[in-house]
Amino acid sequence: MKKDIHPEYREVVFQDTSSDFKFVTRSTMSSNETITMEDGKTYPVIKVEVSSASHPFYTGKNVFIDTAGRVEKFRNRYSKKAQQSDSE
């Protein structure tokens, strides 16, 4: 392998911001933030919005999303275009 062309592969902590779940794994990602884990070691921390601790597929909990508002916006936007093209 060529020297000095590969990123550093090291242990980092991924922290789920929605559930505060943390796990240590290896990655090439870098971060200026650090965190001290239960083992007493300090690791770079990468913050993520979704992990297996908060994703509805893994937790079995459904998260309510304002789909009614989205559907209404879609209908309002495209029903006018469909009516205009039909009348032409």
PDB file of N, CA and C in Angstrom:
ATOM      1  N   MET A   1       0.839  -1.192   0.000  1.00  0.00           N
ATOM      2  CA  MET A   1       0.000   0.000   0.000  1.00  0.00           C
ATOM      3  C   MET A   1       0.873   1.241   0.000  1.00  0.00           C
ATOM      4  N   LYS A   2       0.378   2.273  -0.630  1.00  0.00           N
ATOM      5  CA  LYS A   2       1.085   3.544  -0.608  1.00  0.00           C
ATOM      6  C   LYS A   2       0.926   4.177   0.764  1.00  0.00           C
ATOM      7  N   LYS A   3       1.936   4.847   1.223  1.00  0.00           N
ATOM      8  CA  LYS A   3       1.889   5.507   2.521  1.00  0.00           C
ATOM      9  C   LYS A   3       1.227   6.876   2.401  1.00  0.00           C
ATOM     10  N   ASP A   4       0.559   7.283   3.466  1.00  0.00           N
ATOM     11  CA  ASP A   4      -0.021   8.623   3.629  1.00  0.00           C
ATOM     12  C   ASP A   4      -1.123   8.970   2.631  1.00  0.00           C
ATOM     13  N   ILE A   5      -1.804   7.978   2.065  1.00  0.00           N
ATOM     14  CA  ILE A   5      -2.936   8.289   1.191  1.00  0.00           C
ATOM     15  C   ILE A   5      -4.258   7.817   1.781  1.00  0.00           C
ATOM     16  N   HIS A   6      -4.201   6.994   2.813  1.00  0.00           N
ATOM     17  CA  HIS A   6      -5.418   6.453   3.406  1.00  0.00           C
ATOM     18  C   HIS A   6      -5.799   7.214   4.667  1.00  0.00           C
ATOM     19  N   PRO A   7      -7.091   7.413   4.901  1.00  0.00           N
ATOM     20  CA  PRO A   7      -7.512   8.081   6.138  1.00  0.00           C
ATOM     21  C   PRO A   7      -7.236   7.194   7.347  1.00  0.00           C
ATOM     22  N   GLU A   8      -7.129   7.834   8.491  1.00  0.00           N
ATOM     23  CA  GLU A   8      -6.863   7.100   9.730  1.00  0.00           C
ATOM     24  C   GLU A   8      -8.110   6.320  10.135  1.00  0.00           C
ATOM     25  N   TYR A   9      -7.945   5.040  10.395  1.00  0.00           N
ATOM     26  CA  TYR A   9      -9.032   4.152  10.812  1.00  0.00           C
ATOM     27  C   TYR A   9      -8.890   3.937  12.310  1.00  0.00           C
ATOM     28  N   ARG A  10      -9.821   4.500  13.086  1.00  0.00           N
ATOM     29  CA  ARG A  10      -9.678   4.477  14.545  1.00  0.00           C
ATOM     30  C   ARG A  10     -11.027   4.279  15.209  1.00  0.00           C
ATOM     31  N   GLU A  11     -10.991   4.088  16.517  1.00  0.00           N
ATOM     32  CA  GLU A  11     -12.227   3.935  17.282  1.00  0.00           C
ATOM     33  C   GLU A  11     -12.871   5.305  17.477  1.00  0.00           C
ATOM     34  N   VAL A  12     -14.173   5.368  17.248  1.00  0.00           N
ATOM     35  CA  VAL A  12     -14.958   6.580  17.450  1.00  0.00           C
ATOM     36  C   VAL A  12     -16.268   6.195  18.126  1.00  0.00           C
ATOM     37  N   VAL A  13     -16.943   7.186  18.662  1.00  0.00           N
ATOM     38  CA  VAL A  13     -18.258   6.990  19.283  1.00  0.00           C
ATOM     39  C   VAL A  13     -19.297   7.640  18.391  1.00  0.00           C
ATOM     40  N   PHE A  14     -20.334   6.883  18.045  1.00  0.00           N
ATOM     41  CA  PHE A  14     -21.491   7.440  17.359  1.00  0.00           C
ATOM     42  C   PHE A  14     -22.566   7.667  18.407  1.00  0.00           C
ATOM     43  N   GLN A  15     -23.102   8.895  18.443  1.00  0.00           N
ATOM     44  CA  GLN A  15     -24.116   9.263  19.434  1.00  0.00           C
ATOM     45  C   GLN A  15     -25.398   9.638  18.713  1.00  0.00           C
ATOM     46  N   ASP A  16     -26.476   8.930  19.049  1.00  0.00           N
ATOM     47  CA  ASP A  16     -27.800   9.227  18.507  1.00  0.00           C
ATOM     48  C   ASP A  16     -28.353  10.419  19.279  1.00  0.00           C
ATOM     49  N   THR A  17     -28.574  11.536  18.598  1.00  0.00           N
ATOM     50  CA  THR A  17     -29.024  12.753  19.279  1.00  0.00           C
ATOM     51  C   THR A  17     -30.473  12.667  19.747  1.00  0.00           C
ATOM     52  N   SER A  18     -31.291  11.809  19.125  1.00  0.00           N
ATOM     53  CA  SER A  18     -32.692  11.736  19.532  1.00  0.00           C
ATOM     54  C   SER A  18     -32.907  10.816  20.735  1.00  0.00           C
ATOM     55  N   SER A  19     -32.044   9.817  20.932  1.00  0.00           N
ATOM     56  CA  SER A  19     -32.238   8.909  22.064  1.00  0.00           C
ATOM     57  C   SER A  19     -31.057   8.893  23.025  1.00  0.00           C
ATOM     58  N   ASP A  20     -30.008   9.627  22.715  1.00  0.00           N
ATOM     59  CA  ASP A  20     -28.786   9.699  23.523  1.00  0.00           C
ATOM     60  C   ASP A  20     -28.101   8.332  23.650  1.00  0.00           C
ATOM     61  N   PHE A  21     -28.338   7.445  22.711  1.00  0.00           N
ATOM     62  CA  PHE A  21     -27.687   6.143  22.652  1.00  0.00           C
ATOM     63  C   PHE A  21     -26.296   6.323  22.051  1.00  0.00           C
ATOM     64  N   LYS A  22     -25.285   5.698  22.663  1.00  0.00           N
ATOM     65  CA  LYS A  22     -23.908   5.818  22.197  1.00  0.00           C
ATOM     66  C   LYS A  22     -23.315   4.436  22.011  1.00  0.00           C
ATOM     67  N   PHE A  23     -22.488   4.278  20.980  1.00  0.00           N
ATOM     68  CA  PHE A  23     -21.759   3.032  20.792  1.00  0.00           C
ATOM     69  C   PHE A  23     -20.394   3.318  20.183  1.00  0.00           C
ATOM     70  N   VAL A  24     -19.432   2.480  20.544  1.00  0.00           N
ATOM     71  CA  VAL A  24     -18.067   2.612  20.058  1.00  0.00           C
ATOM     72  C   VAL A  24     -17.879   1.655  18.898  1.00  0.00           C
ATOM     73  N   THR A  25     -17.314   2.159  17.819  1.00  0.00           N
ATOM     74  CA  THR A  25     -16.985   1.349  16.659  1.00  0.00           C
ATOM     75  C   THR A  25     -15.766   1.952  15.987  1.00  0.00           C
ATOM     76  N   ARG A  26     -15.328   1.357  14.922  1.00  0.00           N
ATOM     77  CA  ARG A  26     -14.179   1.889  14.195  1.00  0.00           C
ATOM     78  C   ARG A  26     -14.669   2.587  12.933  1.00  0.00           C
ATOM     79  N   SER A  27     -14.017   3.708  12.599  1.00  0.00           N
ATOM     80  CA  SER A  27     -14.428   4.482  11.442  1.00  0.00           C
ATOM     81  C   SER A  27     -13.284   5.371  10.980  1.00  0.00           C
ATOM     82  N   THR A  28     -13.411   5.874   9.764  1.00  0.00           N
ATOM     83  CA  THR A  28     -12.455   6.848   9.251  1.00  0.00           C
ATOM     84  C   THR A  28     -12.975   8.268   9.410  1.00  0.00           C
ATOM     85  N   MET A  29     -14.194   8.422   9.920  1.00  0.00           N
ATOM     86  CA  MET A  29     -14.752   9.757  10.122  1.00  0.00           C
ATOM     87  C   MET A  29     -13.971  10.479  11.205  1.00  0.00           C
ATOM     88  N   SER A  30     -13.922  11.801  11.080  1.00  0.00           N
ATOM     89  CA  SER A  30     -13.197  12.590  12.079  1.00  0.00           C
ATOM     90  C   SER A  30     -14.133  13.628  12.686  1.00  0.00           C
ATOM     91  N   SER A  31     -13.770  14.074  13.874  1.00  0.00           N
ATOM     92  CA  SER A  31     -14.574  15.049  14.585  1.00  0.00           C
ATOM     93  C   SER A  31     -13.682  15.832  15.541  1.00  0.00           C
ATOM     94  N   ASN A  32     -14.040  17.080  15.771  1.00  0.00           N
ATOM     95  CA  ASN A  32     -13.313  17.899  16.745  1.00  0.00           C
ATOM     96  C   ASN A  32     -13.833  17.676  18.156  1.00  0.00           C
ATOM     97  N   GLU A  33     -15.042  17.143  18.274  1.00  0.00           N
ATOM     98  CA  GLU A  33     -15.638  16.884  19.577  1.00  0.00           C
ATOM     99  C   GLU A  33     -15.150  15.538  20.106  1.00  0.00           C
ATOM    100  N   THR A  34     -15.002  15.450  21.423  1.00  0.00           N
ATOM    101  CA  THR A  34     -14.606  14.190  22.054  1.00  0.00           C
ATOM    102  C   THR A  34     -15.551  13.878  23.202  1.00  0.00           C
ATOM    103  N   ILE A  35     -15.543  12.611  23.608  1.00  0.00           N
ATOM    104  CA  ILE A  35     -16.380  12.159  24.712  1.00  0.00           C
ATOM    105  C   ILE A  35     -15.613  11.091  25.478  1.00  0.00           C
ATOM    106  N   THR A  36     -15.790  11.075  26.796  1.00  0.00           N
ATOM    107  CA  THR A  36     -15.181  10.047  27.627  1.00  0.00           C
ATOM    108  C   THR A  36     -16.238   9.012  27.943  1.00  0.00           C
ATOM    109  N   MET A  37     -15.954   7.771  27.578  1.00  0.00           N
ATOM    110  CA  MET A  37     -16.915   6.686  27.785  1.00  0.00           C
ATOM    111  C   MET A  37     -16.691   6.030  29.145  1.00  0.00           C
ATOM    112  N   GLU A  38     -17.530   5.026  29.454  1.00  0.00           N
ATOM    113  CA  GLU A  38     -17.481   4.338  30.745  1.00  0.00           C
ATOM    114  C   GLU A  38     -16.150   3.633  30.974  1.00  0.00           C
ATOM    115  N   ASP A  39     -15.454   3.274  29.899  1.00  0.00           N
ATOM    116  CA  ASP A  39     -14.168   2.591  30.052  1.00  0.00           C
ATOM    117  C   ASP A  39     -13.029   3.545  30.399  1.00  0.00           C
ATOM    118  N   GLY A  40     -13.319   4.852  30.484  1.00  0.00           N
ATOM    119  CA  GLY A  40     -12.329   5.849  30.852  1.00  0.00           C
ATOM    120  C   GLY A  40     -11.545   6.408  29.682  1.00  0.00           C
ATOM    121  N   LYS A  41     -11.744   5.873  28.496  1.00  0.00           N
ATOM    122  CA  LYS A  41     -11.025   6.349  27.315  1.00  0.00           C
ATOM    123  C   LYS A  41     -11.789   7.503  26.668  1.00  0.00           C
ATOM    124  N   THR A  42     -11.050   8.390  26.025  1.00  0.00           N
ATOM    125  CA  THR A  42     -11.635   9.515  25.305  1.00  0.00           C
ATOM    126  C   THR A  42     -11.610   9.211  23.817  1.00  0.00           C
ATOM    127  N   TYR A  43     -12.778   9.378  23.181  1.00  0.00           N
ATOM    128  CA  TYR A  43     -12.936   9.076  21.759  1.00  0.00           C
ATOM    129  C   TYR A  43     -13.501  10.298  21.040  1.00  0.00           C
ATOM    130  N   PRO A  44     -13.237  10.421  19.738  1.00  0.00           N
ATOM    131  CA  PRO A  44     -13.970  11.416  18.943  1.00  0.00           C
ATOM    132  C   PRO A  44     -15.433  10.997  18.867  1.00  0.00           C
ATOM    133  N   VAL A  45     -16.340  11.958  18.872  1.00  0.00           N
ATOM    134  CA  VAL A  45     -17.767  11.632  18.833  1.00  0.00           C
ATOM    135  C   VAL A  45     -18.374  12.161  17.539  1.00  0.00           C
ATOM    136  N   ILE A  46     -19.148  11.299  16.875  1.00  0.00           N
ATOM    137  CA  ILE A  46     -19.889  11.646  15.662  1.00  0.00           C
ATOM    138  C   ILE A  46     -21.363  11.606  16.023  1.00  0.00           C
ATOM    139  N   LYS A  47     -22.061  12.719  15.841  1.00  0.00           N
ATOM    140  CA  LYS A  47     -23.482  12.787  16.194  1.00  0.00           C
ATOM    141  C   LYS A  47     -24.322  12.442  14.974  1.00  0.00           C
ATOM    142  N   VAL A  48     -25.287  11.541  15.182  1.00  0.00           N
ATOM    143  CA  VAL A  48     -26.200  11.121  14.130  1.00  0.00           C
ATOM    144  C   VAL A  48     -27.636  11.348  14.601  1.00  0.00           C
ATOM    145  N   GLU A  49     -28.540  11.517  13.653  1.00  0.00           N
ATOM    146  CA  GLU A  49     -29.937  11.774  14.005  1.00  0.00           C
ATOM    147  C   GLU A  49     -30.723  10.496  14.247  1.00  0.00           C
ATOM    148  N   VAL A  50     -30.361   9.415  13.567  1.00  0.00           N
ATOM    149  CA  VAL A  50     -31.111   8.166  13.671  1.00  0.00           C
ATOM    150  C   VAL A  50     -30.141   7.006  13.814  1.00  0.00           C
ATOM    151  N   SER A  51     -30.455   6.113  14.736  1.00  0.00           N
ATOM    152  CA  SER A  51     -29.703   4.868  14.880  1.00  0.00           C
ATOM    153  C   SER A  51     -30.712   3.755  15.139  1.00  0.00           C
ATOM    154  N   SER A  52     -30.223   2.565  15.396  1.00  0.00           N
ATOM    155  CA  SER A  52     -31.137   1.457  15.666  1.00  0.00           C
ATOM    156  C   SER A  52     -31.917   1.686  16.960  1.00  0.00           C
ATOM    157  N   ALA A  53     -31.429   2.553  17.834  1.00  0.00           N
ATOM    158  CA  ALA A  53     -32.126   2.842  19.088  1.00  0.00           C
ATOM    159  C   ALA A  53     -33.315   3.773  18.897  1.00  0.00           C
ATOM    160  N   SER A  54     -33.368   4.494  17.784  1.00  0.00           N
ATOM    161  CA  SER A  54     -34.468   5.439  17.597  1.00  0.00           C
ATOM    162  C   SER A  54     -35.254   5.233  16.308  1.00  0.00           C
ATOM    163  N   HIS A  55     -34.792   4.389  15.403  1.00  0.00           N
ATOM    164  CA  HIS A  55     -35.496   4.185  14.141  1.00  0.00           C
ATOM    165  C   HIS A  55     -36.745   3.327  14.367  1.00  0.00           C
ATOM    166  N   PRO A  56     -37.890   3.738  13.817  1.00  0.00           N
ATOM    167  CA  PRO A  56     -39.141   3.004  14.044  1.00  0.00           C
ATOM    168  C   PRO A  56     -39.090   1.547  13.597  1.00  0.00           C
ATOM    169  N   PHE A  57     -38.325   1.219  12.583  1.00  0.00           N
ATOM    170  CA  PHE A  57     -38.244  -0.166  12.124  1.00  0.00           C
ATOM    171  C   PHE A  57     -37.666  -1.063  13.213  1.00  0.00           C
ATOM    172  N   TYR A  58     -36.667  -0.587  13.933  1.00  0.00           N
ATOM    173  CA  TYR A  58     -36.015  -1.385  14.965  1.00  0.00           C
ATOM    174  C   TYR A  58     -36.715  -1.300  16.316  1.00  0.00           C
ATOM    175  N   THR A  59     -37.327  -0.166  16.619  1.00  0.00           N
ATOM    176  CA  THR A  59     -37.967   0.002  17.916  1.00  0.00           C
ATOM    177  C   THR A  59     -39.398  -0.505  17.934  1.00  0.00           C
ATOM    178  N   GLY A  60     -40.044  -0.563  16.768  1.00  0.00           N
ATOM    179  CA  GLY A  60     -41.439  -0.984  16.701  1.00  0.00           C
ATOM    180  C   GLY A  60     -42.403   0.124  17.046  1.00  0.00           C
ATOM    181  N   LYS A  61     -41.889   1.304  17.306  1.00  0.00           N
ATOM    182  CA  LYS A  61     -42.736   2.452  17.625  1.00  0.00           C
ATOM    183  C   LYS A  61     -42.890   3.303  16.382  1.00  0.00           C
ATOM    184  N   ASN A  62     -44.124   3.664  16.085  1.00  0.00           N
ATOM    185  CA  ASN A  62     -44.365   4.534  14.947  1.00  0.00           C
ATOM    186  C   ASN A  62     -44.212   5.978  15.373  1.00  0.00           C
ATOM    187  N   VAL A  63     -43.569   6.745  14.532  1.00  0.00           N
ATOM    188  CA  VAL A  63     -43.413   8.162  14.775  1.00  0.00           C
ATOM    189  C   VAL A  63     -44.445   8.873  13.920  1.00  0.00           C
ATOM    190  N   PHE A  64     -45.232   9.756  14.526  1.00  0.00           N
ATOM    191  CA  PHE A  64     -46.265  10.470  13.796  1.00  0.00           C
ATOM    192  C   PHE A  64     -45.619  11.553  12.942  1.00  0.00           C
ATOM    193  N   ILE A  65     -45.902  11.482  11.663  1.00  0.00           N
ATOM    194  CA  ILE A  65     -45.420  12.489  10.725  1.00  0.00           C
ATOM    195  C   ILE A  65     -46.648  13.164  10.134  1.00  0.00           C
ATOM    196  N   ASP A  66     -46.580  14.440   9.927  1.00  0.00           N
ATOM    197  CA  ASP A  66     -47.704  15.205   9.404  1.00  0.00           C
ATOM    198  C   ASP A  66     -47.930  14.859   7.933  1.00  0.00           C
ATOM    199  N   THR A  67     -48.439  13.663   7.696  1.00  0.00           N
ATOM    200  CA  THR A  67     -48.667  13.247   6.314  1.00  0.00           C
ATOM    201  C   THR A  67     -49.922  13.907   5.750  1.00  0.00           C
ATOM    202  N   ALA A  68     -50.885  14.231   6.598  1.00  0.00           N
ATOM    203  CA  ALA A  68     -52.108  14.859   6.102  1.00  0.00           C
ATOM    204  C   ALA A  68     -51.776  16.203   5.470  1.00  0.00           C
ATOM    205  N   GLY A  69     -50.933  16.959   6.109  1.00  0.00           N
ATOM    206  CA  GLY A  69     -50.531  18.248   5.553  1.00  0.00           C
ATOM    207  C   GLY A  69     -49.780  18.082   4.253  1.00  0.00           C
ATOM    208  N   ARG A  70     -48.952  17.071   4.163  1.00  0.00           N
ATOM    209  CA  ARG A  70     -48.190  16.826   2.942  1.00  0.00           C
ATOM    210  C   ARG A  70     -49.101  16.378   1.806  1.00  0.00           C
ATOM    211  N   VAL A  71     -50.051  15.531   2.140  1.00  0.00           N
ATOM    212  CA  VAL A  71     -50.984  15.054   1.119  1.00  0.00           C
ATOM    213  C   VAL A  71     -51.824  16.209   0.595  1.00  0.00           C
ATOM    214  N   GLU A  72     -52.280  17.062   1.489  1.00  0.00           N
ATOM    215  CA  GLU A  72     -53.085  18.212   1.058  1.00  0.00           C
ATOM    216  C   GLU A  72     -52.279  19.155   0.177  1.00  0.00           C
ATOM    217  N   LYS A  73     -51.040  19.401   0.520  1.00  0.00           N
ATOM    218  CA  LYS A  73     -50.188  20.253  -0.315  1.00  0.00           C
ATOM    219  C   LYS A  73     -50.023  19.638  -1.699  1.00  0.00           C
ATOM    220  N   PHE A  74     -49.826  18.331  -1.741  1.00  0.00           N
ATOM    221  CA  PHE A  74     -49.671  17.630  -3.018  1.00  0.00           C
ATOM    222  C   PHE A  74     -50.942  17.762  -3.842  1.00  0.00           C
ATOM    223  N   ARG A  75     -52.093  17.510  -3.234  1.00  0.00           N
ATOM    224  CA  ARG A  75     -53.360  17.590  -3.956  1.00  0.00           C
ATOM    225  C   ARG A  75     -53.625  19.008  -4.458  1.00  0.00           C
ATOM    226  N   ASN A  76     -53.360  19.994  -3.598  1.00  0.00           N
ATOM    227  CA  ASN A  76     -53.583  21.379  -4.012  1.00  0.00           C
ATOM    228  C   ASN A  76     -52.672  21.765  -5.173  1.00  0.00           C
ATOM    229  N   ARG A  77     -51.453  21.344  -5.128  1.00  0.00           N
ATOM    230  CA  ARG A  77     -50.486  21.702  -6.158  1.00  0.00           C
ATOM    231  C   ARG A  77     -50.807  21.036  -7.492  1.00  0.00           C
ATOM    232  N   TYR A  78     -51.075  19.749  -7.461  1.00  0.00           N
ATOM    233  CA  TYR A  78     -51.213  19.012  -8.708  1.00  0.00           C
ATOM    234  C   TYR A  78     -52.647  18.896  -9.204  1.00  0.00           C
ATOM    235  N   SER A  79     -53.626  19.122  -8.352  1.00  0.00           N
ATOM    236  CA  SER A  79     -55.005  19.074  -8.846  1.00  0.00           C
ATOM    237  C   SER A  79     -55.281  20.277  -9.744  1.00  0.00           C
ATOM    238  N   LYS A  80     -54.689  21.421  -9.471  1.00  0.00           N
ATOM    239  CA  LYS A  80     -54.875  22.598 -10.304  1.00  0.00           C
ATOM    240  C   LYS A  80     -54.244  22.381 -11.664  1.00  0.00           C
ATOM    241  N   LYS A  81     -53.056  21.790 -11.695  1.00  0.00           N
ATOM    242  CA  LYS A  81     -52.394  21.535 -12.980  1.00  0.00           C
ATOM    243  C   LYS A  81     -53.164  20.513 -13.799  1.00  0.00           C
ATOM    244  N   ALA A  82     -53.695  19.499 -13.144  1.00  0.00           N
ATOM    245  CA  ALA A  82     -54.447  18.469 -13.855  1.00  0.00           C
ATOM    246  C   ALA A  82     -55.730  19.055 -14.430  1.00  0.00           C
ATOM    247  N   GLN A  83     -56.405  19.932 -13.680  1.00  0.00           N
ATOM    248  CA  GLN A  83     -57.629  20.544 -14.159  1.00  0.00           C
ATOM    249  C   GLN A  83     -57.339  21.481 -15.329  1.00  0.00           C
ATOM    250  N   GLN A  84     -56.239  22.206 -15.284  1.00  0.00           N
ATOM    251  CA  GLN A  84     -55.901  23.129 -16.363  1.00  0.00           C
ATOM    252  C   GLN A  84     -55.585  22.368 -17.643  1.00  0.00           C
ATOM    253  N   SER A  85     -54.843  21.276 -17.546  1.00  0.00           N
ATOM    254  CA  SER A  85     -54.504  20.518 -18.744  1.00  0.00           C
ATOM    255  C   SER A  85     -55.709  19.791 -19.322  1.00  0.00           C
ATOM    256  N   ASP A  86     -56.690  19.405 -18.480  1.00  0.00           N
ATOM    257  CA  ASP A  86     -57.911  18.754 -18.968  1.00  0.00           C
ATOM    258  C   ASP A  86     -58.787  19.740 -19.733  1.00  0.00           C
ATOM    259  N   SER A  87     -58.812  20.989 -19.290  1.00  0.00           N
ATOM    260  CA  SER A  87     -59.688  21.973 -19.923  1.00  0.00           C
ATOM    261  C   SER A  87     -59.113  22.482 -21.244  1.00  0.00           C
ATOM    262  N   GLU A  88     -57.840  22.251 -21.510  1.00  0.00           N
ATOM    263  CA  GLU A  88     -57.220  22.729 -22.747  1.00  0.00           C
ATOM    264  C   GLU A  88     -57.504  21.869 -23.902  1.00  0.00           C
TER     265      GLU A  88
END
